[in-house]
Protein backbone atom coordinates (compact mmCIF):
# COMPACT_ATOMS: atom_id res chain seq x y z
CA UNK A 1 0.00 0.00 0.00
CA UNK A 2 1.28 3.47 -0.87
CA UNK A 3 1.91 6.42 1.37
CA UNK A 4 -0.88 8.71 2.48
CA UNK A 5 -0.83 12.49 2.48
CA UNK A 6 0.36 12.76 6.09
CA UNK A 7 3.35 10.49 5.43
CA UNK A 8 4.23 12.30 2.20
CA UNK A 9 3.90 15.69 3.90
CA UNK A 10 6.54 14.67 6.45
CA UNK A 11 8.95 13.73 3.65
CA UNK A 12 8.42 16.68 1.28
CA UNK A 13 11.37 18.73 2.54
CA UNK A 14 13.75 15.76 2.39
CA UNK A 15 12.33 14.80 -1.02
CA UNK A 16 12.90 18.32 -2.33
CA UNK A 17 16.50 18.19 -1.06
CA UNK A 18 16.97 14.71 -2.59
CA UNK A 19 17.57 13.24 0.86
CA UNK A 20 14.97 10.46 0.73
CA UNK A 21 16.04 6.87 0.18
CA UNK A 22 15.15 5.25 -3.17
CA UNK A 23 12.00 3.55 -1.85
CA UNK A 24 10.72 6.75 -0.22
CA UNK A 25 11.48 8.69 -3.40
CA UNK A 26 9.50 6.20 -5.48
CA UNK A 27 6.55 6.23 -3.09
CA UNK A 28 6.48 10.04 -2.85
CA UNK A 29 6.62 10.35 -6.67
CA UNK A 30 3.81 7.83 -7.04
CA UNK A 31 1.69 9.68 -4.51
CA UNK A 32 2.38 13.07 -6.10
CA UNK A 33 1.19 11.77 -9.48
CA UNK A 34 -2.30 11.28 -8.08
CA UNK A 35 -2.57 13.93 -5.34
CA UNK A 36 -3.09 17.54 -6.32
CA UNK A 37 -2.98 18.74 -2.68
CA UNK A 38 0.47 17.27 -2.05
CA UNK A 39 1.76 18.55 -5.40
CA UNK A 40 0.60 22.03 -4.38
CA UNK A 41 2.30 21.68 -0.98
CA UNK A 42 5.52 20.61 -2.71
CA UNK A 43 5.27 23.58 -5.06
CA UNK A 44 4.73 25.99 -2.15
CA UNK A 45 7.69 24.51 -0.28
CA UNK A 46 9.85 24.81 -3.38
CA UNK A 47 8.90 28.48 -3.87
CA UNK A 48 9.58 29.22 -0.20
CA UNK A 49 13.04 27.61 -0.44
CA UNK A 50 13.86 29.71 -3.51
CA UNK A 51 12.86 32.89 -1.67
CA UNK A 52 14.87 31.96 1.42
CA UNK A 53 17.98 31.21 -0.65
CA UNK A 54 17.85 34.73 -2.08
CA UNK A 55 17.96 36.35 1.37
CA UNK A 56 21.26 37.67 2.65
CA UNK A 57 22.83 35.95 5.61
CA UNK A 58 23.11 38.48 8.42
CA UNK A 59 26.63 39.04 9.69
CA UNK A 60 27.31 38.63 13.36
CA UNK A 61 28.71 41.66 15.17
CA UNK A 62 32.52 41.62 15.38
CA UNK A 63 32.58 41.48 19.12
CA UNK A 64 30.27 38.47 19.29
CA UNK A 65 33.17 36.01 19.07
CA UNK A 66 35.09 37.95 21.71
CA UNK A 67 32.06 37.81 24.01
CA UNK A 68 31.63 34.09 23.42
CA UNK A 69 35.32 33.40 24.05
CA UNK A 70 35.23 35.49 27.21
CA UNK A 71 32.26 33.52 28.56
CA UNK A 72 33.88 30.19 27.75
CA UNK A 73 37.12 31.07 29.53
C-alpha atoms as a PDB file:
ATOM      1  CA  UNK A   1       0.000   0.000   0.000  1.00  0.00           C
ATOM      2  CA  UNK A   2       1.278   3.465  -0.874  1.00  0.00           C
ATOM      3  CA  UNK A   3       1.912   6.419   1.366  1.00  0.00           C
ATOM      4  CA  UNK A   4      -0.876   8.707   2.478  1.00  0.00           C
ATOM      5  CA  UNK A   5      -0.827  12.492   2.482  1.00  0.00           C
ATOM      6  CA  UNK A   6       0.358  12.761   6.089  1.00  0.00           C
ATOM      7  CA  UNK A   7       3.349  10.487   5.429  1.00  0.00           C
ATOM      8  CA  UNK A   8       4.233  12.298   2.204  1.00  0.00           C
ATOM      9  CA  UNK A   9       3.900  15.687   3.896  1.00  0.00           C
ATOM     10  CA  UNK A  10       6.540  14.669   6.454  1.00  0.00           C
ATOM     11  CA  UNK A  11       8.946  13.734   3.648  1.00  0.00           C
ATOM     12  CA  UNK A  12       8.423  16.681   1.283  1.00  0.00           C
ATOM     13  CA  UNK A  13      11.369  18.727   2.542  1.00  0.00           C
ATOM     14  CA  UNK A  14      13.748  15.764   2.388  1.00  0.00           C
ATOM     15  CA  UNK A  15      12.329  14.800  -1.020  1.00  0.00           C
ATOM     16  CA  UNK A  16      12.898  18.316  -2.328  1.00  0.00           C
ATOM     17  CA  UNK A  17      16.504  18.194  -1.063  1.00  0.00           C
ATOM     18  CA  UNK A  18      16.972  14.708  -2.592  1.00  0.00           C
ATOM     19  CA  UNK A  19      17.570  13.239   0.863  1.00  0.00           C
ATOM     20  CA  UNK A  20      14.967  10.460   0.734  1.00  0.00           C
ATOM     21  CA  UNK A  21      16.041   6.874   0.178  1.00  0.00           C
ATOM     22  CA  UNK A  22      15.149   5.248  -3.174  1.00  0.00           C
ATOM     23  CA  UNK A  23      12.003   3.550  -1.852  1.00  0.00           C
ATOM     24  CA  UNK A  24      10.717   6.749  -0.222  1.00  0.00           C
ATOM     25  CA  UNK A  25      11.476   8.685  -3.402  1.00  0.00           C
ATOM     26  CA  UNK A  26       9.503   6.197  -5.481  1.00  0.00           C
ATOM     27  CA  UNK A  27       6.549   6.231  -3.095  1.00  0.00           C
ATOM     28  CA  UNK A  28       6.483  10.037  -2.855  1.00  0.00           C
ATOM     29  CA  UNK A  29       6.625  10.346  -6.670  1.00  0.00           C
ATOM     30  CA  UNK A  30       3.810   7.826  -7.042  1.00  0.00           C
ATOM     31  CA  UNK A  31       1.691   9.684  -4.506  1.00  0.00           C
ATOM     32  CA  UNK A  32       2.377  13.073  -6.100  1.00  0.00           C
ATOM     33  CA  UNK A  33       1.187  11.765  -9.480  1.00  0.00           C
ATOM     34  CA  UNK A  34      -2.298  11.276  -8.082  1.00  0.00           C
ATOM     35  CA  UNK A  35      -2.574  13.925  -5.340  1.00  0.00           C
ATOM     36  CA  UNK A  36      -3.090  17.542  -6.315  1.00  0.00           C
ATOM     37  CA  UNK A  37      -2.985  18.737  -2.680  1.00  0.00           C
ATOM     38  CA  UNK A  38       0.469  17.270  -2.048  1.00  0.00           C
ATOM     39  CA  UNK A  39       1.761  18.554  -5.399  1.00  0.00           C
ATOM     40  CA  UNK A  40       0.596  22.032  -4.378  1.00  0.00           C
ATOM     41  CA  UNK A  41       2.304  21.685  -0.979  1.00  0.00           C
ATOM     42  CA  UNK A  42       5.523  20.613  -2.708  1.00  0.00           C
ATOM     43  CA  UNK A  43       5.268  23.584  -5.065  1.00  0.00           C
ATOM     44  CA  UNK A  44       4.727  25.987  -2.148  1.00  0.00           C
ATOM     45  CA  UNK A  45       7.689  24.514  -0.278  1.00  0.00           C
ATOM     46  CA  UNK A  46       9.855  24.812  -3.381  1.00  0.00           C
ATOM     47  CA  UNK A  47       8.900  28.478  -3.867  1.00  0.00           C
ATOM     48  CA  UNK A  48       9.581  29.219  -0.200  1.00  0.00           C
ATOM     49  CA  UNK A  49      13.036  27.612  -0.442  1.00  0.00           C
ATOM     50  CA  UNK A  50      13.858  29.705  -3.510  1.00  0.00           C
ATOM     51  CA  UNK A  51      12.858  32.892  -1.675  1.00  0.00           C
ATOM     52  CA  UNK A  52      14.872  31.958   1.425  1.00  0.00           C
ATOM     53  CA  UNK A  53      17.981  31.207  -0.647  1.00  0.00           C
ATOM     54  CA  UNK A  54      17.847  34.729  -2.080  1.00  0.00           C
ATOM     55  CA  UNK A  55      17.956  36.351   1.365  1.00  0.00           C
ATOM     56  CA  UNK A  56      21.257  37.668   2.646  1.00  0.00           C
ATOM     57  CA  UNK A  57      22.826  35.951   5.613  1.00  0.00           C
ATOM     58  CA  UNK A  58      23.108  38.485   8.417  1.00  0.00           C
ATOM     59  CA  UNK A  59      26.630  39.041   9.691  1.00  0.00           C
ATOM     60  CA  UNK A  60      27.305  38.633  13.365  1.00  0.00           C
ATOM     61  CA  UNK A  61      28.713  41.662  15.171  1.00  0.00           C
ATOM     62  CA  UNK A  62      32.522  41.620  15.377  1.00  0.00           C
ATOM     63  CA  UNK A  63      32.583  41.477  19.120  1.00  0.00           C
ATOM     64  CA  UNK A  64      30.265  38.473  19.288  1.00  0.00           C
ATOM     65  CA  UNK A  65      33.173  36.012  19.072  1.00  0.00           C
ATOM     66  CA  UNK A  66      35.094  37.948  21.709  1.00  0.00           C
ATOM     67  CA  UNK A  67      32.063  37.813  24.008  1.00  0.00           C
ATOM     68  CA  UNK A  68      31.629  34.090  23.420  1.00  0.00           C
ATOM     69  CA  UNK A  69      35.316  33.398  24.053  1.00  0.00           C
ATOM     70  CA  UNK A  70      35.226  35.491  27.208  1.00  0.00           C
ATOM     71  CA  UNK A  71      32.255  33.521  28.559  1.00  0.00           C
ATOM     72  CA  UNK A  72      33.881  30.191  27.745  1.00  0.00           C
ATOM     73  CA  UNK A  73      37.124  31.068  29.527  1.00  0.00           C
END
